[in-house]
Amino acid sequence: VVWLTNLEGRMARVHFVAFKAYSKMARHLGRFAFQQLLTYTYEDGSYIFDVIFGMTPCSNMLAVNTCIKSGFKKVGVLPNGAWIAAKGKSENMIVTAVTREDVL
């Protein structure tokens, strides 16, 4: 499942979930989804998105690594950017991004 939020200009934040039964295929499914999103065009032929970015709590390295294997690149860390309710504290958020050139 893939959905976009924070649409601004030709950029969007992606949210990606792969169900356990498909976890071994997650990077391939992700790459396919991101290729599709980054090649959608308006009627005039201009691209809808130039970049898609993700933000993942640093404690979820499985998700970060899946993103990277799908074509994303780590672009930085947002200090204390993720509130982890179960722990009652904030932790760093890893910011990743993908462009058309990264997945085509």
Protein backbone atom coordinates (compact mmCIF):
# COMPACT_ATOMS: atom_id res chain seq x y z
CA VAL A 1 0.00 0.00 0.00
CA VAL A 2 1.39 3.39 -1.01
CA TRP A 3 -0.08 6.82 -0.33
CA LEU A 4 1.18 10.37 -0.62
CA THR A 5 0.83 13.36 1.70
CA ASN A 6 2.41 16.79 2.03
CA LEU A 7 1.99 17.57 -1.66
CA GLU A 8 3.88 20.75 -2.47
CA GLY A 9 5.03 21.84 -5.89
CA ARG A 10 6.31 18.73 -7.64
CA MET A 11 7.21 16.97 -4.40
CA ALA A 12 5.32 14.59 -2.09
CA ARG A 13 5.91 12.59 1.08
CA VAL A 14 5.37 8.87 0.58
CA HIS A 15 4.03 6.32 3.03
CA PHE A 16 4.64 2.68 2.13
CA VAL A 17 3.40 -0.48 3.81
CA ALA A 18 4.22 -4.03 2.72
CA PHE A 19 2.18 -6.75 4.38
CA LYS A 20 4.14 -9.61 5.97
CA ALA A 21 3.16 -12.10 3.26
CA TYR A 22 4.87 -9.83 0.71
CA SER A 23 7.82 -8.62 2.81
CA LYS A 24 10.37 -10.43 0.63
CA MET A 25 9.04 -8.53 -2.37
CA ALA A 26 8.83 -5.12 -0.62
CA ARG A 27 11.83 -3.54 -2.33
CA HIS A 28 10.61 -4.67 -5.78
CA LEU A 29 7.06 -3.49 -5.08
CA GLY A 30 8.42 -0.21 -3.76
CA ARG A 31 10.65 0.38 -6.78
CA PHE A 32 7.72 -0.33 -9.11
CA ALA A 33 5.42 2.04 -7.19
CA PHE A 34 8.01 4.82 -7.14
CA GLN A 35 8.76 4.38 -10.86
CA GLN A 36 5.06 4.74 -11.57
CA LEU A 37 4.60 7.80 -9.35
CA LEU A 38 7.64 9.56 -10.80
CA THR A 39 6.58 9.01 -14.41
CA TYR A 40 2.96 10.20 -14.15
CA THR A 41 2.36 13.26 -16.31
CA TYR A 42 -0.22 15.95 -16.82
CA GLU A 43 -2.06 16.26 -20.14
CA ASP A 44 0.62 18.66 -21.40
CA GLY A 45 3.32 16.01 -20.81
CA SER A 46 4.96 17.66 -17.79
CA TYR A 47 5.76 15.42 -14.84
CA ILE A 48 3.55 15.57 -11.77
CA PHE A 49 6.40 14.75 -9.35
CA ASP A 50 10.14 15.34 -9.51
CA VAL A 51 10.95 13.95 -6.07
CA ILE A 52 9.30 11.78 -3.46
CA PHE A 53 10.63 11.78 0.08
CA GLY A 54 10.13 9.64 3.13
CA MET A 55 10.77 10.07 6.82
CA THR A 56 11.33 7.03 9.04
CA PRO A 57 12.15 6.77 12.76
CA CYS A 58 15.77 5.67 13.21
CA SER A 59 14.63 2.67 15.26
CA ASN A 60 12.97 1.19 12.14
CA MET A 61 16.07 0.31 10.16
CA LEU A 62 14.23 -2.49 8.35
CA ALA A 63 12.00 0.17 6.74
CA VAL A 64 14.96 2.47 6.02
CA ASN A 65 16.91 -0.35 4.36
CA THR A 66 13.87 -1.38 2.30
CA CYS A 67 13.53 2.22 1.09
CA ILE A 68 17.19 2.34 0.13
CA LYS A 69 16.94 -0.99 -1.71
CA SER A 70 13.91 0.45 -3.55
CA GLY A 71 15.97 3.35 -4.91
CA PHE A 72 15.80 5.98 -2.18
CA LYS A 73 18.91 7.76 -0.97
CA LYS A 74 19.50 8.91 2.59
CA VAL A 75 19.59 12.71 2.56
CA GLY A 76 19.78 13.49 6.25
CA VAL A 77 18.55 13.14 9.79
CA LEU A 78 15.91 15.24 11.48
CA PRO A 79 16.87 15.40 15.18
CA ASN A 80 14.01 14.28 17.44
CA GLY A 81 11.67 14.29 14.44
CA ALA A 82 9.68 11.19 15.41
CA TRP A 83 7.52 10.91 18.50
CA ILE A 84 7.49 7.28 19.70
CA ALA A 85 4.42 7.07 21.94
CA ALA A 86 5.25 3.59 23.26
CA LYS A 87 8.60 4.88 24.55
CA GLY A 88 7.25 8.27 25.60
CA LYS A 89 10.05 10.12 23.84
CA SER A 90 11.25 11.53 20.55
CA GLU A 91 13.94 10.00 18.39
CA ASN A 92 15.76 10.96 15.24
CA MET A 93 14.00 10.66 11.90
CA ILE A 94 15.92 9.48 8.83
CA VAL A 95 14.99 11.44 5.71
CA THR A 96 15.23 9.67 2.34
CA ALA A 97 14.37 10.82 -1.17
CA VAL A 98 14.00 9.35 -4.65
CA THR A 99 13.96 11.02 -8.05
CA ARG A 100 13.13 9.66 -11.51
CA GLU A 101 16.83 9.24 -12.24
CA ASP A 102 17.20 7.04 -9.13
CA VAL A 103 14.63 4.45 -10.19
CA LEU A 104 14.66 4.45 -14.00
